[in-house]
Amino acid sequence: MKLLLATLLFCFSTLTQAADTRFDSIYFFQSQKELEAKGINVDTFGRYSRNLQLQIYRALKKAKMPESAGYLVVAIRADGVVTSWLDMAPAVHEYYDNQIYEVVQKVPPVDVTAGVLVFGIKMAINTAVHTKKAIPAPPDWADAKKKINDPNNIEELVLSIWPE
């Protein structure tokens, strides 16, 4: 009986410590025609997306984090440089935001032949409920949209706030 109780307590303690990170649908900011013009291959993108999700899951699996849901937004330039933003509610602590950013930086990106590829992946941490938001909108994008000529041009928007 003591062994059974000890085993259950051990299982419970390991479950409460691990962050359960789940991913769902992908939102593309560009049309299929634009993606084809950028040379995006569906199979290659699928492998990249799965690898990115796996690496983020591994990076956060031992973290103690509160529930949060939203989007991870990723941008990949034609020169292979990658950046990301989180659009999560409630906001993820800066430490974990930076961890996710570093993971995105380390995963080899898909090849983009021209311009910038921008997409979002629904992400939920310690909750089975994903965001109901239809379109990702990281917090710092609102101010950036006011400063550019065409606020609907995703490439112009992303390049205007690209971290250097």
C-alpha atoms as a PDB file:
ATOM      1  CA  MET A   1       0.000   0.000   0.000  1.00  0.00           C
ATOM      2  CA  LYS A   2       2.831   2.402   0.874  1.00  0.00           C
ATOM      3  CA  LEU A   3       4.537   1.600  -2.424  1.00  0.00           C
ATOM      4  CA  LEU A   4       1.327   2.322  -4.342  1.00  0.00           C
ATOM      5  CA  LEU A   5       0.843   5.614  -2.507  1.00  0.00           C
ATOM      6  CA  ALA A   6       4.475   6.620  -3.096  1.00  0.00           C
ATOM      7  CA  THR A   7       4.135   5.794  -6.794  1.00  0.00           C
ATOM      8  CA  LEU A   8       0.957   7.865  -7.114  1.00  0.00           C
ATOM      9  CA  LEU A   9       2.530  10.812  -5.301  1.00  0.00           C
ATOM     10  CA  PHE A  10       5.590  10.623  -7.532  1.00  0.00           C
ATOM     11  CA  CYS A  11       3.420  10.566 -10.673  1.00  0.00           C
ATOM     12  CA  PHE A  12       1.342  13.477  -9.421  1.00  0.00           C
ATOM     13  CA  SER A  13       4.400  15.560  -8.556  1.00  0.00           C
ATOM     14  CA  THR A  14       5.949  15.018 -11.978  1.00  0.00           C
ATOM     15  CA  LEU A  15       2.682  15.967 -13.692  1.00  0.00           C
ATOM     16  CA  THR A  16       2.311  19.214 -11.792  1.00  0.00           C
ATOM     17  CA  GLN A  17       5.851  20.283 -12.598  1.00  0.00           C
ATOM     18  CA  ALA A  18       5.767  19.766 -16.339  1.00  0.00           C
ATOM     19  CA  ALA A  19       4.334  22.346 -18.705  1.00  0.00           C
ATOM     20  CA  ASP A  20       1.943  20.719 -21.137  1.00  0.00           C
ATOM     21  CA  THR A  21       2.421  22.551 -24.422  1.00  0.00           C
ATOM     22  CA  ARG A  22      -0.052  21.817 -27.207  1.00  0.00           C
ATOM     23  CA  PHE A  23      -0.184  23.065 -30.768  1.00  0.00           C
ATOM     24  CA  ASP A  24      -3.074  23.301 -33.178  1.00  0.00           C
ATOM     25  CA  SER A  25      -3.764  24.906 -36.538  1.00  0.00           C
ATOM     26  CA  ILE A  26      -1.440  27.112 -38.557  1.00  0.00           C
ATOM     27  CA  TYR A  27      -2.485  30.539 -39.792  1.00  0.00           C
ATOM     28  CA  PHE A  28      -0.785  31.829 -42.949  1.00  0.00           C
ATOM     29  CA  PHE A  29      -0.692  35.612 -43.333  1.00  0.00           C
ATOM     30  CA  GLN A  30      -0.075  35.244 -47.069  1.00  0.00           C
ATOM     31  CA  SER A  31      -2.237  33.637 -49.742  1.00  0.00           C
ATOM     32  CA  GLN A  32      -1.397  30.301 -51.349  1.00  0.00           C
ATOM     33  CA  LYS A  33      -0.298  32.148 -54.486  1.00  0.00           C
ATOM     34  CA  GLU A  34       2.113  34.285 -52.459  1.00  0.00           C
ATOM     35  CA  LEU A  35       3.457  31.200 -50.657  1.00  0.00           C
ATOM     36  CA  GLU A  36       4.104  29.502 -53.993  1.00  0.00           C
ATOM     37  CA  ALA A  37       5.909  32.630 -55.237  1.00  0.00           C
ATOM     38  CA  LYS A  38       8.127  32.411 -52.141  1.00  0.00           C
ATOM     39  CA  GLY A  39       9.005  28.808 -53.043  1.00  0.00           C
ATOM     40  CA  ILE A  40       7.314  27.274 -49.992  1.00  0.00           C
ATOM     41  CA  ASN A  41       7.055  23.502 -50.322  1.00  0.00           C
ATOM     42  CA  VAL A  42       4.191  21.995 -48.326  1.00  0.00           C
ATOM     43  CA  ASP A  43       6.109  18.877 -47.284  1.00  0.00           C
ATOM     44  CA  THR A  44       9.215  20.784 -46.240  1.00  0.00           C
ATOM     45  CA  PHE A  45       7.113  23.325 -44.358  1.00  0.00           C
ATOM     46  CA  GLY A  46       5.252  20.515 -42.574  1.00  0.00           C
ATOM     47  CA  ARG A  47       8.520  18.946 -41.392  1.00  0.00           C
ATOM     48  CA  TYR A  48       9.810  22.352 -40.259  1.00  0.00           C
ATOM     49  CA  SER A  49       6.600  23.087 -38.367  1.00  0.00           C
ATOM     50  CA  ARG A  50       6.601  19.706 -36.600  1.00  0.00           C
ATOM     51  CA  ASN A  51      10.272  20.076 -35.659  1.00  0.00           C
ATOM     52  CA  LEU A  52       9.654  23.593 -34.332  1.00  0.00           C
ATOM     53  CA  GLN A  53       6.724  22.377 -32.237  1.00  0.00           C
ATOM     54  CA  LEU A  54       8.736  19.434 -30.892  1.00  0.00           C
ATOM     55  CA  GLN A  55      11.691  21.620 -29.898  1.00  0.00           C
ATOM     56  CA  ILE A  56       9.423  24.119 -28.117  1.00  0.00           C
ATOM     57  CA  TYR A  57       7.645  21.271 -26.322  1.00  0.00           C
ATOM     58  CA  ARG A  58      11.015  19.891 -25.165  1.00  0.00           C
ATOM     59  CA  ALA A  59      12.238  23.317 -24.032  1.00  0.00           C
ATOM     60  CA  LEU A  60       9.138  23.934 -21.904  1.00  0.00           C
ATOM     61  CA  LYS A  61       8.388  20.425 -20.640  1.00  0.00           C
ATOM     62  CA  LYS A  62      10.119  20.961 -17.284  1.00  0.00           C
ATOM     63  CA  ALA A  63       8.882  24.519 -16.762  1.00  0.00           C
ATOM     64  CA  LYS A  64       6.264  25.530 -14.206  1.00  0.00           C
ATOM     65  CA  MET A  65       3.978  27.877 -16.079  1.00  0.00           C
ATOM     66  CA  PRO A  66       0.439  29.201 -15.657  1.00  0.00           C
ATOM     67  CA  GLU A  67      -2.225  28.479 -18.269  1.00  0.00           C
ATOM     68  CA  SER A  68      -1.919  30.526 -21.449  1.00  0.00           C
ATOM     69  CA  ALA A  69      -3.257  30.256 -24.987  1.00  0.00           C
ATOM     70  CA  GLY A  70      -2.694  32.119 -28.213  1.00  0.00           C
ATOM     71  CA  TYR A  71      -0.255  32.081 -31.089  1.00  0.00           C
ATOM     72  CA  LEU A  72       3.423  31.741 -31.793  1.00  0.00           C
ATOM     73  CA  VAL A  73       4.087  33.956 -34.827  1.00  0.00           C
ATOM     74  CA  VAL A  74       7.171  33.175 -36.904  1.00  0.00           C
ATOM     75  CA  ALA A  75       8.735  35.187 -39.735  1.00  0.00           C
ATOM     76  CA  ILE A  76      11.454  33.852 -42.044  1.00  0.00           C
ATOM     77  CA  ARG A  77      13.316  36.131 -44.461  1.00  0.00           C
ATOM     78  CA  ALA A  78      14.742  34.976 -47.783  1.00  0.00           C
ATOM     79  CA  ASP A  79      18.259  35.255 -46.287  1.00  0.00           C
ATOM     80  CA  GLY A  80      17.338  32.565 -43.728  1.00  0.00           C
ATOM     81  CA  VAL A  81      17.055  34.885 -40.725  1.00  0.00           C
ATOM     82  CA  VAL A  82      14.165  34.007 -38.415  1.00  0.00           C
ATOM     83  CA  THR A  83      12.310  35.873 -35.689  1.00  0.00           C
ATOM     84  CA  SER A  84       9.195  35.273 -33.618  1.00  0.00           C
ATOM     85  CA  TRP A  85       6.589  36.911 -31.417  1.00  0.00           C
ATOM     86  CA  LEU A  86       4.104  35.526 -28.918  1.00  0.00           C
ATOM     87  CA  ASP A  87       0.457  36.517 -28.879  1.00  0.00           C
ATOM     88  CA  MET A  88      -0.655  34.719 -25.718  1.00  0.00           C
ATOM     89  CA  ALA A  89      -3.298  35.476 -23.090  1.00  0.00           C
ATOM     90  CA  PRO A  90      -2.332  35.823 -20.387  1.00  0.00           C
ATOM     91  CA  ALA A  91       1.119  36.845 -21.520  1.00  0.00           C
ATOM     92  CA  VAL A  92       3.907  34.325 -21.016  1.00  0.00           C
ATOM     93  CA  HIS A  93       6.636  35.400 -18.585  1.00  0.00           C
ATOM     94  CA  GLU A  94       9.536  37.104 -20.362  1.00  0.00           C
ATOM     95  CA  TYR A  95      11.926  34.293 -19.394  1.00  0.00           C
ATOM     96  CA  TYR A  96       9.844  31.689 -21.245  1.00  0.00           C
ATOM     97  CA  ASP A  97       9.151  34.093 -24.103  1.00  0.00           C
ATOM     98  CA  ASN A  98      12.929  34.346 -24.554  1.00  0.00           C
ATOM     99  CA  GLN A  99      13.309  30.559 -24.349  1.00  0.00           C
ATOM    100  CA  ILE A 100      10.771  30.113 -27.140  1.00  0.00           C
ATOM    101  CA  TYR A 101      12.483  32.835 -29.177  1.00  0.00           C
ATOM    102  CA  GLU A 102      15.833  31.046 -28.807  1.00  0.00           C
ATOM    103  CA  VAL A 103      14.319  27.719 -29.889  1.00  0.00           C
ATOM    104  CA  VAL A 104      12.849  29.352 -32.992  1.00  0.00           C
ATOM    105  CA  GLN A 105      16.289  30.813 -33.761  1.00  0.00           C
ATOM    106  CA  LYS A 106      17.984  27.391 -33.524  1.00  0.00           C
ATOM    107  CA  VAL A 107      15.621  25.329 -35.685  1.00  0.00           C
ATOM    108  CA  PRO A 108      16.851  25.368 -39.314  1.00  0.00           C
ATOM    109  CA  PRO A 109      14.171  27.278 -41.275  1.00  0.00           C
ATOM    110  CA  VAL A 110      12.478  26.417 -44.549  1.00  0.00           C
ATOM    111  CA  ASP A 111      13.893  28.004 -47.671  1.00  0.00           C
ATOM    112  CA  VAL A 112      12.164  31.220 -48.701  1.00  0.00           C
ATOM    113  CA  THR A 113      13.136  32.364 -52.198  1.00  0.00           C
ATOM    114  CA  ALA A 114      11.786  35.922 -51.939  1.00  0.00           C
ATOM    115  CA  GLY A 115      10.480  38.291 -49.300  1.00  0.00           C
ATOM    116  CA  VAL A 116       9.292  37.121 -45.898  1.00  0.00           C
ATOM    117  CA  LEU A 117       7.184  34.113 -44.899  1.00  0.00           C
ATOM    118  CA  VAL A 118       4.931  34.903 -41.925  1.00  0.00           C
ATOM    119  CA  PHE A 119       2.731  32.377 -40.146  1.00  0.00           C
ATOM    120  CA  GLY A 120       1.229  31.694 -36.737  1.00  0.00           C
ATOM    121  CA  ILE A 121       0.737  28.415 -34.878  1.00  0.00           C
ATOM    122  CA  LYS A 122      -1.960  28.114 -32.235  1.00  0.00           C
ATOM    123  CA  MET A 123      -0.282  27.238 -28.954  1.00  0.00           C
ATOM    124  CA  ALA A 124      -1.713  26.384 -25.543  1.00  0.00           C
ATOM    125  CA  ILE A 125       0.290  25.934 -22.357  1.00  0.00           C
ATOM    126  CA  ASN A 126      -1.169  23.877 -19.492  1.00  0.00           C
ATOM    127  CA  THR A 127      -4.658  24.016 -20.987  1.00  0.00           C
ATOM    128  CA  ALA A 128      -6.503  21.941 -23.539  1.00  0.00           C
ATOM    129  CA  VAL A 129      -8.403  25.017 -24.731  1.00  0.00           C
ATOM    130  CA  HIS A 130      -6.861  26.906 -27.641  1.00  0.00           C
ATOM    131  CA  THR A 131      -7.499  30.568 -28.329  1.00  0.00           C
ATOM    132  CA  LYS A 132     -10.660  31.547 -30.158  1.00  0.00           C
ATOM    133  CA  LYS A 133      -8.823  34.412 -31.900  1.00  0.00           C
ATOM    134  CA  ALA A 134      -8.988  33.883 -35.649  1.00  0.00           C
ATOM    135  CA  ILE A 135      -5.923  35.971 -36.508  1.00  0.00           C
ATOM    136  CA  PRO A 136      -2.698  36.343 -34.520  1.00  0.00           C
ATOM    137  CA  ALA A 137      -1.854  39.897 -33.465  1.00  0.00           C
ATOM    138  CA  PRO A 138       1.199  40.197 -31.195  1.00  0.00           C
ATOM    139  CA  PRO A 139       0.975  43.215 -28.857  1.00  0.00           C
ATOM    140  CA  ASP A 140       3.712  45.326 -30.490  1.00  0.00           C
ATOM    141  CA  TRP A 141       2.108  45.013 -33.935  1.00  0.00           C
ATOM    142  CA  ALA A 142      -0.687  47.505 -33.171  1.00  0.00           C
ATOM    143  CA  ASP A 143       1.697  50.467 -32.810  1.00  0.00           C
ATOM    144  CA  ALA A 144       3.741  49.337 -35.812  1.00  0.00           C
ATOM    145  CA  LYS A 145       0.615  49.254 -38.022  1.00  0.00           C
ATOM    146  CA  LYS A 146       0.038  52.940 -37.303  1.00  0.00           C
ATOM    147  CA  LYS A 147       3.542  53.852 -38.530  1.00  0.00           C
ATOM    148  CA  ILE A 148       3.603  52.080 -41.912  1.00  0.00           C
ATOM    149  CA  ASN A 149       2.084  53.079 -45.255  1.00  0.00           C
ATOM    150  CA  ASP A 150      -0.021  49.933 -45.737  1.00  0.00           C
ATOM    151  CA  PRO A 151      -1.081  48.365 -42.411  1.00  0.00           C
ATOM    152  CA  ASN A 152      -2.408  45.306 -44.286  1.00  0.00           C
ATOM    153  CA  ASN A 153       0.975  44.532 -45.862  1.00  0.00           C
ATOM    154  CA  ILE A 154       2.303  41.828 -43.528  1.00  0.00           C
ATOM    155  CA  GLU A 155       5.835  41.931 -44.947  1.00  0.00           C
ATOM    156  CA  GLU A 156       6.128  45.693 -44.463  1.00  0.00           C
ATOM    157  CA  LEU A 157       4.730  45.350 -40.943  1.00  0.00           C
ATOM    158  CA  VAL A 158       7.108  42.547 -39.948  1.00  0.00           C
ATOM    159  CA  LEU A 159      10.157  44.223 -41.442  1.00  0.00           C
ATOM    160  CA  SER A 160       9.313  47.501 -39.644  1.00  0.00           C
ATOM    161  CA  ILE A 161       9.611  45.804 -36.236  1.00  0.00           C
ATOM    162  CA  TRP A 162      12.172  43.114 -37.018  1.00  0.00           C
ATOM    163  CA  PRO A 163      14.529  42.824 -34.028  1.00  0.00           C
ATOM    164  CA  GLU A 164      18.132  43.534 -34.982  1.00  0.00           C
END
